[in-house]
Amino acid sequence: MKTVFVVLLAAALALATLVVYLIIYTPMKRRSPMATLVGAVPGALPPLIGWVASHGRLTMGGGALFLIVFLWQIPHFMAIAWMYRDDYGKAGFPMLPVIEPDGRRTGRQAVVYAAVLVPASLIPTVVGLSGLTYAAVALVLGAALLWLAMRFAATRSDSSARWLFLASITYLPLLWVVMMADKL
């Protein structure tokens, strides 16, 4: 019976991913810059689905993985949106850098989410999913990402957006590798 529940719970989360992505996020992309936040939900659900499938229930560990990916996506995508703001504008997507060309809110969003990501990335250590080595690396990686987000917010240049983007695509894989290695 427990196996059926686990499969149903994981399937429900997968269905929620599809519904939010296809029915809410996709149509919203052409209407509102808030689509980025909505799209971050289905983007962050796969680690939670894997957690439920492997652990059999929703717990703080799975919630921590969801939260990390959710928060990480905003500075990552703000950098992309800034670099390709002209293309998004031509395609009719009201991304934040398109509707607010000075980029102040785009930069603020990157900084706020990167700042919240720093303590959120420590939750795995607090709930026993990882150890102190992971926590130390998470702090360093988070501080670096936050610094680059702050630099992007201050300059709002393509160069600073590119550095933030490159750091973001490095941050997450390194964080996962250290999290796994810390438990070996």
N, C-alpha and C. Protein backbone atom coordinates (compact mmCIF):
# COMPACT_ATOMS: atom_id res chain seq x y z
N MET A 1 0.81 -1.19 0.00
CA MET A 1 0.00 0.00 0.00
C MET A 1 0.87 1.26 0.00
N LYS A 2 1.99 1.21 0.75
CA LYS A 2 2.88 2.37 0.80
C LYS A 2 3.45 2.67 -0.58
N THR A 3 3.79 1.64 -1.34
CA THR A 3 4.34 1.84 -2.67
C THR A 3 3.34 2.54 -3.58
N VAL A 4 2.08 2.17 -3.47
CA VAL A 4 1.03 2.80 -4.27
C VAL A 4 0.94 4.29 -3.90
N PHE A 5 0.98 4.60 -2.62
CA PHE A 5 0.92 5.98 -2.17
C PHE A 5 2.10 6.78 -2.71
N VAL A 6 3.29 6.21 -2.65
CA VAL A 6 4.49 6.90 -3.13
C VAL A 6 4.37 7.17 -4.62
N VAL A 7 3.95 6.18 -5.37
CA VAL A 7 3.80 6.34 -6.81
C VAL A 7 2.75 7.42 -7.11
N LEU A 8 1.64 7.39 -6.39
CA LEU A 8 0.58 8.37 -6.60
C LEU A 8 1.05 9.79 -6.24
N LEU A 9 1.77 9.91 -5.15
CA LEU A 9 2.27 11.22 -4.74
C LEU A 9 3.27 11.77 -5.77
N ALA A 10 4.20 10.93 -6.20
CA ALA A 10 5.17 11.36 -7.22
C ALA A 10 4.45 11.70 -8.53
N ALA A 11 3.46 10.90 -8.89
CA ALA A 11 2.69 11.16 -10.11
C ALA A 11 1.89 12.46 -9.98
N ALA A 12 1.34 12.72 -8.82
CA ALA A 12 0.60 13.97 -8.60
C ALA A 12 1.51 15.18 -8.74
N LEU A 13 2.72 15.08 -8.21
CA LEU A 13 3.68 16.18 -8.35
C LEU A 13 4.09 16.36 -9.81
N ALA A 14 4.26 15.25 -10.52
CA ALA A 14 4.60 15.33 -11.95
C ALA A 14 3.44 15.96 -12.73
N LEU A 15 2.23 15.59 -12.39
CA LEU A 15 1.06 16.18 -13.04
C LEU A 15 0.97 17.68 -12.73
N ALA A 16 1.25 18.05 -11.49
CA ALA A 16 1.26 19.47 -11.11
C ALA A 16 2.30 20.22 -11.92
N THR A 17 3.45 19.60 -12.15
CA THR A 17 4.51 20.22 -12.96
C THR A 17 3.97 20.52 -14.36
N LEU A 18 3.35 19.51 -14.97
CA LEU A 18 2.80 19.69 -16.32
C LEU A 18 1.69 20.75 -16.36
N VAL A 19 0.78 20.68 -15.40
CA VAL A 19 -0.34 21.62 -15.38
C VAL A 19 0.15 23.06 -15.22
N VAL A 20 1.01 23.28 -14.25
CA VAL A 20 1.51 24.65 -14.03
C VAL A 20 2.28 25.14 -15.25
N TYR A 21 3.11 24.26 -15.81
CA TYR A 21 3.92 24.67 -16.95
C TYR A 21 3.05 24.95 -18.18
N LEU A 22 2.18 24.02 -18.52
CA LEU A 22 1.43 24.14 -19.77
C LEU A 22 0.21 25.06 -19.68
N ILE A 23 -0.50 25.00 -18.57
CA ILE A 23 -1.76 25.73 -18.48
C ILE A 23 -1.61 27.12 -17.87
N ILE A 24 -0.64 27.29 -16.98
CA ILE A 24 -0.49 28.59 -16.34
C ILE A 24 0.71 29.35 -16.91
N TYR A 25 1.90 28.75 -16.82
CA TYR A 25 3.12 29.46 -17.21
C TYR A 25 3.17 29.78 -18.70
N THR A 26 2.94 28.81 -19.55
CA THR A 26 3.10 29.03 -20.99
C THR A 26 2.22 30.17 -21.52
N PRO A 27 0.91 30.18 -21.23
CA PRO A 27 0.11 31.32 -21.70
C PRO A 27 0.51 32.65 -21.02
N MET A 28 0.97 32.56 -19.79
CA MET A 28 1.33 33.76 -19.03
C MET A 28 2.58 34.46 -19.59
N LYS A 29 3.44 33.70 -20.27
CA LYS A 29 4.70 34.26 -20.80
C LYS A 29 4.47 35.45 -21.71
N ARG A 30 3.38 35.47 -22.43
CA ARG A 30 3.09 36.57 -23.36
C ARG A 30 2.33 37.71 -22.69
N ARG A 31 1.99 37.53 -21.40
CA ARG A 31 1.15 38.53 -20.74
C ARG A 31 1.80 39.27 -19.57
N SER A 32 2.74 38.61 -18.89
CA SER A 32 3.23 39.19 -17.65
C SER A 32 4.67 38.79 -17.34
N PRO A 33 5.44 39.72 -16.80
CA PRO A 33 6.79 39.35 -16.36
C PRO A 33 6.76 38.43 -15.14
N MET A 34 5.60 38.32 -14.48
CA MET A 34 5.46 37.40 -13.34
C MET A 34 5.55 35.94 -13.78
N ALA A 35 5.48 35.70 -15.08
CA ALA A 35 5.58 34.33 -15.59
C ALA A 35 6.89 33.67 -15.15
N THR A 36 7.93 34.47 -14.97
CA THR A 36 9.22 33.92 -14.55
C THR A 36 9.09 33.22 -13.19
N LEU A 37 8.39 33.86 -12.26
CA LEU A 37 8.20 33.25 -10.94
C LEU A 37 7.32 32.02 -11.03
N VAL A 38 6.26 32.10 -11.81
CA VAL A 38 5.37 30.95 -11.98
C VAL A 38 6.13 29.80 -12.62
N GLY A 39 6.93 30.08 -13.63
CA GLY A 39 7.70 29.05 -14.31
C GLY A 39 8.77 28.41 -13.44
N ALA A 40 9.18 29.13 -12.40
CA ALA A 40 10.19 28.57 -11.49
C ALA A 40 9.61 27.42 -10.66
N VAL A 41 8.29 27.39 -10.50
CA VAL A 41 7.68 26.29 -9.72
C VAL A 41 7.84 24.96 -10.45
N PRO A 42 7.37 24.82 -11.70
CA PRO A 42 7.59 23.53 -12.37
C PRO A 42 9.08 23.25 -12.61
N GLY A 43 9.87 24.31 -12.69
CA GLY A 43 11.31 24.12 -12.84
C GLY A 43 11.96 23.52 -11.60
N ALA A 44 11.35 23.76 -10.44
CA ALA A 44 11.91 23.27 -9.18
C ALA A 44 11.26 21.98 -8.68
N LEU A 45 10.19 21.56 -9.30
CA LEU A 45 9.50 20.35 -8.83
C LEU A 45 10.23 19.03 -9.11
N PRO A 46 11.00 18.88 -10.19
CA PRO A 46 11.65 17.58 -10.42
C PRO A 46 12.51 17.06 -9.26
N PRO A 47 13.31 17.88 -8.57
CA PRO A 47 14.04 17.32 -7.42
C PRO A 47 13.09 16.83 -6.32
N LEU A 48 11.98 17.51 -6.14
CA LEU A 48 11.00 17.08 -5.14
C LEU A 48 10.34 15.78 -5.56
N ILE A 49 10.05 15.63 -6.83
CA ILE A 49 9.49 14.37 -7.33
C ILE A 49 10.46 13.22 -7.07
N GLY A 50 11.73 13.45 -7.38
CA GLY A 50 12.75 12.42 -7.11
C GLY A 50 12.86 12.11 -5.64
N TRP A 51 12.77 13.13 -4.81
CA TRP A 51 12.83 12.93 -3.36
C TRP A 51 11.68 12.04 -2.89
N VAL A 52 10.48 12.39 -3.33
CA VAL A 52 9.30 11.61 -2.93
C VAL A 52 9.42 10.17 -3.42
N ALA A 53 9.88 9.99 -4.65
CA ALA A 53 10.03 8.63 -5.19
C ALA A 53 11.05 7.82 -4.41
N SER A 54 12.10 8.46 -3.92
CA SER A 54 13.15 7.72 -3.21
C SER A 54 12.92 7.62 -1.70
N HIS A 55 12.22 8.60 -1.12
CA HIS A 55 12.02 8.61 0.33
C HIS A 55 10.60 8.25 0.75
N GLY A 56 9.69 8.26 -0.19
CA GLY A 56 8.34 7.82 0.10
C GLY A 56 7.42 8.87 0.71
N ARG A 57 7.92 10.08 0.89
CA ARG A 57 7.07 11.12 1.47
C ARG A 57 7.72 12.49 1.28
N LEU A 58 6.90 13.50 1.53
CA LEU A 58 7.40 14.87 1.52
C LEU A 58 8.05 15.16 2.86
N THR A 59 9.27 15.65 2.84
CA THR A 59 9.97 16.01 4.07
C THR A 59 10.73 17.31 3.84
N MET A 60 11.34 17.81 4.89
CA MET A 60 12.13 19.04 4.79
C MET A 60 13.29 18.90 3.79
N GLY A 61 13.86 17.71 3.70
CA GLY A 61 14.95 17.50 2.74
C GLY A 61 14.50 17.77 1.32
N GLY A 62 13.37 17.20 0.96
CA GLY A 62 12.82 17.44 -0.37
C GLY A 62 12.41 18.89 -0.57
N GLY A 63 11.84 19.46 0.47
CA GLY A 63 11.46 20.88 0.41
C GLY A 63 12.68 21.77 0.22
N ALA A 64 13.78 21.41 0.86
CA ALA A 64 15.02 22.19 0.72
C ALA A 64 15.53 22.15 -0.73
N LEU A 65 15.49 20.97 -1.34
CA LEU A 65 15.94 20.85 -2.73
C LEU A 65 15.06 21.69 -3.65
N PHE A 66 13.73 21.63 -3.43
CA PHE A 66 12.80 22.44 -4.21
C PHE A 66 13.13 23.93 -4.04
N LEU A 67 13.29 24.36 -2.80
CA LEU A 67 13.53 25.78 -2.52
C LEU A 67 14.83 26.27 -3.16
N ILE A 68 15.87 25.48 -3.07
CA ILE A 68 17.15 25.87 -3.67
C ILE A 68 16.99 26.08 -5.17
N VAL A 69 16.37 25.13 -5.85
CA VAL A 69 16.22 25.26 -7.30
C VAL A 69 15.29 26.42 -7.65
N PHE A 70 14.21 26.58 -6.89
CA PHE A 70 13.28 27.69 -7.14
C PHE A 70 14.01 29.03 -7.04
N LEU A 71 14.70 29.25 -5.95
CA LEU A 71 15.40 30.53 -5.73
C LEU A 71 16.51 30.75 -6.75
N TRP A 72 17.24 29.69 -7.07
CA TRP A 72 18.36 29.78 -8.00
C TRP A 72 17.92 30.25 -9.38
N GLN A 73 16.72 29.84 -9.78
CA GLN A 73 16.26 30.16 -11.14
C GLN A 73 16.10 31.65 -11.40
N ILE A 74 15.79 32.44 -10.39
CA ILE A 74 15.50 33.85 -10.64
C ILE A 74 16.76 34.64 -11.02
N PRO A 75 17.86 34.59 -10.25
CA PRO A 75 19.05 35.31 -10.74
C PRO A 75 19.55 34.75 -12.08
N HIS A 76 19.43 33.43 -12.22
CA HIS A 76 19.84 32.78 -13.48
C HIS A 76 19.04 33.36 -14.64
N PHE A 77 17.73 33.41 -14.48
CA PHE A 77 16.91 33.87 -15.59
C PHE A 77 16.92 35.38 -15.76
N MET A 78 17.13 36.14 -14.69
CA MET A 78 17.24 37.59 -14.84
C MET A 78 18.46 37.93 -15.70
N ALA A 79 19.53 37.17 -15.52
CA ALA A 79 20.73 37.38 -16.35
C ALA A 79 20.43 37.07 -17.81
N ILE A 80 19.75 35.96 -18.06
CA ILE A 80 19.39 35.60 -19.44
C ILE A 80 18.45 36.65 -20.04
N ALA A 81 17.44 37.04 -19.26
CA ALA A 81 16.47 38.01 -19.76
C ALA A 81 17.14 39.34 -20.11
N TRP A 82 18.14 39.73 -19.32
CA TRP A 82 18.85 40.98 -19.61
C TRP A 82 19.67 40.85 -20.89
N MET A 83 20.40 39.75 -21.00
CA MET A 83 21.26 39.57 -22.17
C MET A 83 20.45 39.51 -23.47
N TYR A 84 19.25 38.96 -23.40
CA TYR A 84 18.44 38.77 -24.60
C TYR A 84 17.17 39.63 -24.59
N ARG A 85 17.22 40.75 -23.89
CA ARG A 85 16.04 41.61 -23.75
C ARG A 85 15.52 42.11 -25.10
N ASP A 86 16.41 42.41 -26.03
CA ASP A 86 15.95 42.86 -27.35
C ASP A 86 15.20 41.75 -28.08
N ASP A 87 15.72 40.55 -28.00
CA ASP A 87 15.04 39.41 -28.64
C ASP A 87 13.69 39.14 -28.00
N TYR A 88 13.63 39.19 -26.67
CA TYR A 88 12.35 38.99 -26.00
C TYR A 88 11.35 40.07 -26.39
N GLY A 89 11.83 41.30 -26.49
CA GLY A 89 10.96 42.41 -26.90
C GLY A 89 10.42 42.21 -28.30
N LYS A 90 11.29 41.83 -29.24
CA LYS A 90 10.86 41.61 -30.62
C LYS A 90 9.86 40.46 -30.72
N ALA A 91 10.01 39.47 -29.84
CA ALA A 91 9.11 38.30 -29.85
C ALA A 91 7.81 38.58 -29.10
N GLY A 92 7.72 39.73 -28.44
CA GLY A 92 6.49 40.07 -27.74
C GLY A 92 6.37 39.48 -26.35
N PHE A 93 7.49 39.12 -25.74
CA PHE A 93 7.47 38.60 -24.38
C PHE A 93 7.75 39.75 -23.40
N PRO A 94 6.81 40.06 -22.51
CA PRO A 94 7.01 41.19 -21.60
C PRO A 94 7.89 40.84 -20.39
N MET A 95 9.12 40.48 -20.69
CA MET A 95 10.07 40.18 -19.62
C MET A 95 10.38 41.47 -18.88
N LEU A 96 10.81 41.33 -17.64
CA LEU A 96 11.10 42.50 -16.82
C LEU A 96 12.04 43.50 -17.51
N PRO A 97 13.15 43.05 -18.12
CA PRO A 97 14.02 44.02 -18.80
C PRO A 97 13.39 44.66 -20.04
N VAL A 98 12.34 44.04 -20.57
CA VAL A 98 11.65 44.61 -21.73
C VAL A 98 10.70 45.72 -21.29
N ILE A 99 9.94 45.46 -20.23
CA ILE A 99 8.96 46.46 -19.81
C ILE A 99 9.58 47.55 -18.94
N GLU A 100 10.76 47.29 -18.41
CA GLU A 100 11.48 48.28 -17.62
C GLU A 100 12.93 48.33 -18.10
N PRO A 101 13.19 49.05 -19.17
CA PRO A 101 14.51 49.02 -19.82
C PRO A 101 15.68 49.47 -18.96
N ASP A 102 15.46 50.24 -17.90
CA ASP A 102 16.61 50.67 -17.10
C ASP A 102 17.18 49.52 -16.27
N GLY A 103 16.41 48.45 -16.08
CA GLY A 103 16.92 47.24 -15.44
C GLY A 103 17.01 47.28 -13.93
N ARG A 104 16.52 48.32 -13.29
CA ARG A 104 16.63 48.39 -11.83
C ARG A 104 15.90 47.23 -11.14
N ARG A 105 14.67 46.98 -11.55
CA ARG A 105 13.92 45.87 -10.92
C ARG A 105 14.52 44.52 -11.29
N THR A 106 15.03 44.40 -12.51
CA THR A 106 15.67 43.16 -12.92
C THR A 106 16.86 42.86 -12.01
N GLY A 107 17.68 43.87 -11.78
CA GLY A 107 18.84 43.71 -10.88
C GLY A 107 18.41 43.42 -9.46
N ARG A 108 17.39 44.14 -8.99
CA ARG A 108 16.89 43.91 -7.62
C ARG A 108 16.38 42.48 -7.45
N GLN A 109 15.65 41.99 -8.45
CA GLN A 109 15.14 40.62 -8.38
C GLN A 109 16.31 39.62 -8.26
N ALA A 110 17.34 39.82 -9.07
CA ALA A 110 18.50 38.94 -9.03
C ALA A 110 19.14 38.96 -7.65
N VAL A 111 19.28 40.14 -7.07
CA VAL A 111 19.92 40.27 -5.75
C VAL A 111 19.06 39.66 -4.66
N VAL A 112 17.78 39.97 -4.64
CA VAL A 112 16.90 39.47 -3.58
C VAL A 112 16.88 37.94 -3.56
N TYR A 113 16.70 37.34 -4.72
CA TYR A 113 16.62 35.87 -4.76
C TYR A 113 17.97 35.22 -4.48
N ALA A 114 19.05 35.83 -4.94
CA ALA A 114 20.38 35.30 -4.62
C ALA A 114 20.66 35.42 -3.13
N ALA A 115 20.21 36.52 -2.51
CA ALA A 115 20.41 36.72 -1.06
C ALA A 115 19.62 35.69 -0.25
N VAL A 116 18.40 35.42 -0.64
CA VAL A 116 17.58 34.44 0.07
C VAL A 116 18.12 33.02 -0.16
N LEU A 117 18.73 32.81 -1.32
CA LEU A 117 19.32 31.50 -1.63
C LEU A 117 20.45 31.13 -0.66
N VAL A 118 21.20 32.12 -0.19
CA VAL A 118 22.33 31.82 0.71
C VAL A 118 21.85 31.07 1.96
N PRO A 119 20.94 31.59 2.76
CA PRO A 119 20.49 30.81 3.93
C PRO A 119 19.68 29.57 3.54
N ALA A 120 18.93 29.66 2.44
CA ALA A 120 18.14 28.49 2.01
C ALA A 120 19.05 27.32 1.66
N SER A 121 20.22 27.61 1.12
CA SER A 121 21.14 26.53 0.74
C SER A 121 21.73 25.83 1.96
N LEU A 122 21.56 26.40 3.14
CA LEU A 122 22.05 25.77 4.37
C LEU A 122 21.02 24.83 5.00
N ILE A 123 19.79 24.87 4.52
CA ILE A 123 18.75 24.00 5.07
C ILE A 123 19.14 22.52 4.99
N PRO A 124 19.75 22.04 3.89
CA PRO A 124 20.15 20.63 3.89
C PRO A 124 21.04 20.24 5.07
N THR A 125 21.91 21.13 5.51
CA THR A 125 22.74 20.83 6.68
C THR A 125 21.90 20.84 7.94
N VAL A 126 21.01 21.80 8.07
CA VAL A 126 20.15 21.91 9.26
C VAL A 126 19.28 20.67 9.44
N VAL A 127 18.77 20.11 8.33
CA VAL A 127 17.88 18.95 8.42
C VAL A 127 18.63 17.61 8.33
N GLY A 128 19.97 17.65 8.31
CA GLY A 128 20.76 16.43 8.33
C GLY A 128 20.98 15.77 6.98
N LEU A 129 20.66 16.46 5.92
CA LEU A 129 20.86 15.92 4.58
C LEU A 129 22.32 16.02 4.16
N SER A 130 23.04 16.96 4.73
CA SER A 130 24.45 17.16 4.40
C SER A 130 25.19 17.62 5.65
N GLY A 131 26.50 17.74 5.50
CA GLY A 131 27.32 18.09 6.65
C GLY A 131 27.92 19.48 6.56
N LEU A 132 28.90 19.71 7.39
CA LEU A 132 29.52 21.02 7.49
C LEU A 132 30.36 21.39 6.27
N THR A 133 30.95 20.40 5.62
CA THR A 133 31.71 20.69 4.39
C THR A 133 30.78 21.28 3.34
N TYR A 134 29.63 20.64 3.17
CA TYR A 134 28.64 21.18 2.24
C TYR A 134 28.25 22.60 2.64
N ALA A 135 27.97 22.82 3.92
CA ALA A 135 27.54 24.13 4.38
C ALA A 135 28.59 25.19 4.05
N ALA A 136 29.86 24.88 4.28
CA ALA A 136 30.93 25.85 3.99
C ALA A 136 30.99 26.16 2.50
N VAL A 137 30.92 25.13 1.66
CA VAL A 137 30.96 25.34 0.22
C VAL A 137 29.71 26.09 -0.24
N ALA A 138 28.55 25.75 0.32
CA ALA A 138 27.31 26.43 -0.05
C ALA A 138 27.40 27.92 0.29
N LEU A 139 28.00 28.23 1.43
CA LEU A 139 28.17 29.65 1.80
C LEU A 139 29.08 30.38 0.82
N VAL A 140 30.18 29.75 0.44
CA VAL A 140 31.12 30.38 -0.50
C VAL A 140 30.46 30.56 -1.86
N LEU A 141 29.83 29.49 -2.36
CA LEU A 141 29.16 29.58 -3.66
C LEU A 141 28.04 30.61 -3.64
N GLY A 142 27.26 30.60 -2.56
CA GLY A 142 26.16 31.56 -2.43
C GLY A 142 26.64 32.99 -2.36
N ALA A 143 27.72 33.21 -1.61
CA ALA A 143 28.29 34.56 -1.51
C ALA A 143 28.80 35.04 -2.87
N ALA A 144 29.42 34.13 -3.62
CA ALA A 144 29.92 34.50 -4.95
C ALA A 144 28.76 34.84 -5.89
N LEU A 145 27.72 34.03 -5.86
CA LEU A 145 26.55 34.30 -6.70
C LEU A 145 25.89 35.62 -6.31
N LEU A 146 25.77 35.84 -5.01
CA LEU A 146 25.19 37.09 -4.52
C LEU A 146 26.04 38.29 -4.95
N TRP A 147 27.35 38.19 -4.84
CA TRP A 147 28.23 39.28 -5.24
C TRP A 147 28.05 39.59 -6.73
N LEU A 148 27.97 38.55 -7.55
CA LEU A 148 27.79 38.77 -8.99
C LEU A 148 26.41 39.34 -9.29
N ALA A 149 25.39 38.95 -8.53
CA ALA A 149 24.06 39.53 -8.69
C ALA A 149 24.08 41.01 -8.31
N MET A 150 24.80 41.33 -7.25
CA MET A 150 24.91 42.73 -6.83
C MET A 150 25.67 43.56 -7.88
N ARG A 151 26.70 42.97 -8.42
CA ARG A 151 27.46 43.65 -9.49
C ARG A 151 26.56 43.89 -10.70
N PHE A 152 25.77 42.88 -11.06
CA PHE A 152 24.84 43.03 -12.18
C PHE A 152 23.82 44.13 -11.88
N ALA A 153 23.27 44.13 -10.66
CA ALA A 153 22.28 45.14 -10.29
C ALA A 153 22.87 46.55 -10.34
N ALA A 154 24.13 46.67 -9.97
CA ALA A 154 24.79 47.99 -9.96
C ALA A 154 25.11 48.49 -11.36
N THR A 155 25.56 47.59 -12.23
CA THR A 155 26.01 48.03 -13.56
C THR A 155 24.98 47.80 -14.65
N ARG A 156 24.18 46.75 -14.49
CA ARG A 156 23.18 46.37 -15.49
C ARG A 156 23.79 46.37 -16.90
N SER A 157 24.92 45.70 -17.00
CA SER A 157 25.61 45.57 -18.29
C SER A 157 25.49 44.15 -18.80
N ASP A 158 25.69 43.99 -20.09
CA ASP A 158 25.66 42.65 -20.65
C ASP A 158 26.79 41.80 -20.07
N SER A 159 27.93 42.42 -19.84
CA SER A 159 29.07 41.69 -19.28
C SER A 159 28.76 41.17 -17.87
N SER A 160 28.19 42.02 -17.03
CA SER A 160 27.88 41.57 -15.67
C SER A 160 26.76 40.53 -15.68
N ALA A 161 25.82 40.65 -16.61
CA ALA A 161 24.77 39.63 -16.75
C ALA A 161 25.37 38.30 -17.19
N ARG A 162 26.33 38.35 -18.10
CA ARG A 162 26.97 37.12 -18.58
C ARG A 162 27.74 36.43 -17.44
N TRP A 163 28.42 37.21 -16.62
CA TRP A 163 29.14 36.64 -15.48
C TRP A 163 28.17 36.00 -14.49
N LEU A 164 27.04 36.67 -14.25
CA LEU A 164 26.03 36.11 -13.35
C LEU A 164 25.47 34.82 -13.94
N PHE A 165 25.19 34.81 -15.23
CA PHE A 165 24.69 33.61 -15.89
C PHE A 165 25.70 32.47 -15.78
N LEU A 166 26.95 32.74 -16.10
CA LEU A 166 27.98 31.69 -16.03
C LEU A 166 28.14 31.16 -14.60
N ALA A 167 28.08 32.05 -13.63
CA ALA A 167 28.17 31.62 -12.24
C ALA A 167 26.97 30.76 -11.86
N SER A 168 25.80 31.14 -12.36
CA SER A 168 24.59 30.39 -12.00
C SER A 168 24.63 28.98 -12.58
N ILE A 169 25.15 28.82 -13.79
CA ILE A 169 25.19 27.46 -14.35
C ILE A 169 26.32 26.63 -13.75
N THR A 170 27.21 27.27 -13.04
CA THR A 170 28.26 26.56 -12.31
C THR A 170 27.80 26.25 -10.89
N TYR A 171 27.07 27.17 -10.29
CA TYR A 171 26.63 27.07 -8.90
C TYR A 171 25.88 25.77 -8.60
N LEU A 172 24.82 25.52 -9.36
CA LEU A 172 23.94 24.41 -9.02
C LEU A 172 24.62 23.03 -9.14
N PRO A 173 25.31 22.73 -10.24
CA PRO A 173 25.99 21.42 -10.29
C PRO A 173 27.04 21.25 -9.19
N LEU A 174 27.79 22.32 -8.90
CA LEU A 174 28.79 22.23 -7.83
C LEU A 174 28.12 21.97 -6.48
N LEU A 175 27.00 22.66 -6.25
CA LEU A 175 26.28 22.48 -4.99
C LEU A 175 25.82 21.03 -4.84
N TRP A 176 25.26 20.46 -5.91
CA TRP A 176 24.78 19.07 -5.84
C TRP A 176 25.93 18.09 -5.64
N VAL A 177 27.03 18.31 -6.36
CA VAL A 177 28.18 17.40 -6.23
C VAL A 177 28.72 17.43 -4.80
N VAL A 178 28.85 18.62 -4.23
CA VAL A 178 29.38 18.73 -2.87
C VAL A 178 28.38 18.12 -1.88
N MET A 179 27.10 18.31 -2.11
CA MET A 179 26.07 17.73 -1.23
C MET A 179 26.20 16.20 -1.22
N MET A 180 26.36 15.61 -2.41
CA MET A 180 26.50 14.15 -2.49
C MET A 180 27.81 13.68 -1.90
N ALA A 181 28.90 14.37 -2.22
CA ALA A 181 30.22 13.97 -1.73
C ALA A 181 30.31 14.09 -0.21
N ASP A 182 29.61 15.05 0.34
CA ASP A 182 29.65 15.27 1.79
C ASP A 182 29.00 14.12 2.56
N LYS A 183 28.19 13.33 1.89
CA LYS A 183 27.52 12.21 2.56
C LYS A 183 28.27 10.89 2.36
N LEU A 184 29.32 10.89 1.55
CA LEU A 184 30.07 9.65 1.30
C LEU A 184 30.92 9.25 2.50
